[in-house]
Amino acid sequence: MYLLTIRDGLHTRHIGPYESPKQAADDLDRLLAQFGERSRWQIHALESPQMLLAAKPEPTERRALMVTAA
């Protein structure tokens, strides 16, 4: 699934979901007529939390900082 994000000034719109990036791009052509010339857009692939948690790398060792009072 894909999500279309359009930013126009301080407003951000999230539109979708779409089955393919082509579907989002087709809607983008129609939607940009409603926004200003300086609007920015991106097409994002949606990720499920389960996929991210399953692919999470092992945490690296953290070294403790020891502070001693003089």
C-alpha atoms as a PDB file:
ATOM      1  CA  MET A   1       0.000   0.000   0.000  1.00  0.00           C
ATOM      2  CA  TYR A   2       1.111   3.528  -0.737  1.00  0.00           C
ATOM      3  CA  LEU A   3       0.285   6.937   0.711  1.00  0.00           C
ATOM      4  CA  LEU A   4       0.442  10.306  -1.047  1.00  0.00           C
ATOM      5  CA  THR A   5       1.616  13.241   1.085  1.00  0.00           C
ATOM      6  CA  ILE A   6       1.158  16.806  -0.161  1.00  0.00           C
ATOM      7  CA  ARG A   7       2.572  19.794   1.748  1.00  0.00           C
ATOM      8  CA  ASP A   8       1.295  23.243   0.879  1.00  0.00           C
ATOM      9  CA  GLY A   9       2.635  25.917   3.196  1.00  0.00           C
ATOM     10  CA  LEU A  10       1.768  24.852   6.750  1.00  0.00           C
ATOM     11  CA  HIS A  11      -0.841  22.310   5.632  1.00  0.00           C
ATOM     12  CA  THR A  12       0.013  18.653   5.146  1.00  0.00           C
ATOM     13  CA  ARG A  13      -2.447  16.236   3.581  1.00  0.00           C
ATOM     14  CA  HIS A  14      -2.157  12.447   3.620  1.00  0.00           C
ATOM     15  CA  ILE A  15      -4.166  10.801   0.861  1.00  0.00           C
ATOM     16  CA  GLY A  16      -4.617   7.089   0.257  1.00  0.00           C
ATOM     17  CA  PRO A  17      -4.033   4.207   0.630  1.00  0.00           C
ATOM     18  CA  TYR A  18      -3.288   3.179  -2.953  1.00  0.00           C
ATOM     19  CA  GLU A  19      -2.501  -0.282  -4.295  1.00  0.00           C
ATOM     20  CA  SER A  20       0.405   0.971  -6.436  1.00  0.00           C
ATOM     21  CA  PRO A  21       2.564   4.088  -6.770  1.00  0.00           C
ATOM     22  CA  LYS A  22       1.097   4.581 -10.275  1.00  0.00           C
ATOM     23  CA  GLN A  23      -2.391   5.022  -8.811  1.00  0.00           C
ATOM     24  CA  ALA A  24      -1.043   7.632  -6.383  1.00  0.00           C
ATOM     25  CA  ALA A  25       0.762   9.435  -9.226  1.00  0.00           C
ATOM     26  CA  ASP A  26      -2.435   9.470 -11.302  1.00  0.00           C
ATOM     27  CA  ASP A  27      -4.325  11.129  -8.439  1.00  0.00           C
ATOM     28  CA  LEU A  28      -1.418  13.495  -7.854  1.00  0.00           C
ATOM     29  CA  ASP A  29      -1.838  15.003 -11.324  1.00  0.00           C
ATOM     30  CA  ARG A  30      -5.476  15.808 -10.557  1.00  0.00           C
ATOM     31  CA  LEU A  31      -4.871  16.983  -6.981  1.00  0.00           C
ATOM     32  CA  LEU A  32      -1.997  19.386  -7.643  1.00  0.00           C
ATOM     33  CA  ALA A  33      -4.415  21.712  -9.452  1.00  0.00           C
ATOM     34  CA  GLN A  34      -6.016  22.410  -6.039  1.00  0.00           C
ATOM     35  CA  PHE A  35      -2.723  23.355  -4.349  1.00  0.00           C
ATOM     36  CA  GLY A  36      -0.256  26.217  -4.750  1.00  0.00           C
ATOM     37  CA  GLU A  37       2.680  26.250  -7.150  1.00  0.00           C
ATOM     38  CA  ARG A  38       5.167  25.711  -4.337  1.00  0.00           C
ATOM     39  CA  SER A  39       3.504  22.616  -2.894  1.00  0.00           C
ATOM     40  CA  ARG A  40       5.681  19.556  -2.357  1.00  0.00           C
ATOM     41  CA  TRP A  41       4.656  15.936  -2.577  1.00  0.00           C
ATOM     42  CA  GLN A  42       5.931  12.431  -1.836  1.00  0.00           C
ATOM     43  CA  ILE A  43       4.628   8.915  -2.350  1.00  0.00           C
ATOM     44  CA  HIS A  44       5.411   6.644   0.607  1.00  0.00           C
ATOM     45  CA  ALA A  45       5.178   2.886   0.959  1.00  0.00           C
ATOM     46  CA  LEU A  46       3.113   2.047   4.038  1.00  0.00           C
ATOM     47  CA  GLU A  47       4.787  -0.270   6.533  1.00  0.00           C
ATOM     48  CA  SER A  48       3.060  -2.218   9.232  1.00  0.00           C
ATOM     49  CA  PRO A  49       4.391  -2.105  12.806  1.00  0.00           C
ATOM     50  CA  GLN A  50       4.762  -5.895  12.749  1.00  0.00           C
ATOM     51  CA  MET A  51       7.107  -5.713   9.739  1.00  0.00           C
ATOM     52  CA  LEU A  52       9.249  -3.061  11.397  1.00  0.00           C
ATOM     53  CA  LEU A  53       9.442  -4.899  14.706  1.00  0.00           C
ATOM     54  CA  ALA A  54      10.364  -8.157  12.988  1.00  0.00           C
ATOM     55  CA  ALA A  55      13.195  -6.457  11.080  1.00  0.00           C
ATOM     56  CA  LYS A  56      14.462  -4.476  14.074  1.00  0.00           C
ATOM     57  CA  PRO A  57      18.244  -4.863  14.490  1.00  0.00           C
ATOM     58  CA  GLU A  58      19.660  -5.884  17.830  1.00  0.00           C
ATOM     59  CA  PRO A  59      20.424  -2.885  20.048  1.00  0.00           C
ATOM     60  CA  THR A  60      24.080  -1.993  20.273  1.00  0.00           C
ATOM     61  CA  GLU A  61      25.855  -2.018  23.603  1.00  0.00           C
ATOM     62  CA  ARG A  62      25.611   1.238  25.425  1.00  0.00           C
ATOM     63  CA  ARG A  63      28.524   2.306  27.517  1.00  0.00           C
ATOM     64  CA  ALA A  64      27.615   3.860  30.813  1.00  0.00           C
ATOM     65  CA  LEU A  65      29.191   7.185  31.576  1.00  0.00           C
ATOM     66  CA  MET A  66      30.439   7.272  35.128  1.00  0.00           C
ATOM     67  CA  VAL A  67      30.704  10.617  36.848  1.00  0.00           C
ATOM     68  CA  THR A  68      32.615  10.832  40.075  1.00  0.00           C
ATOM     69  CA  ALA A  69      32.461  13.708  42.505  1.00  0.00           C
ATOM     70  CA  ALA A  70      35.782  15.217  43.475  1.00  0.00           C
END
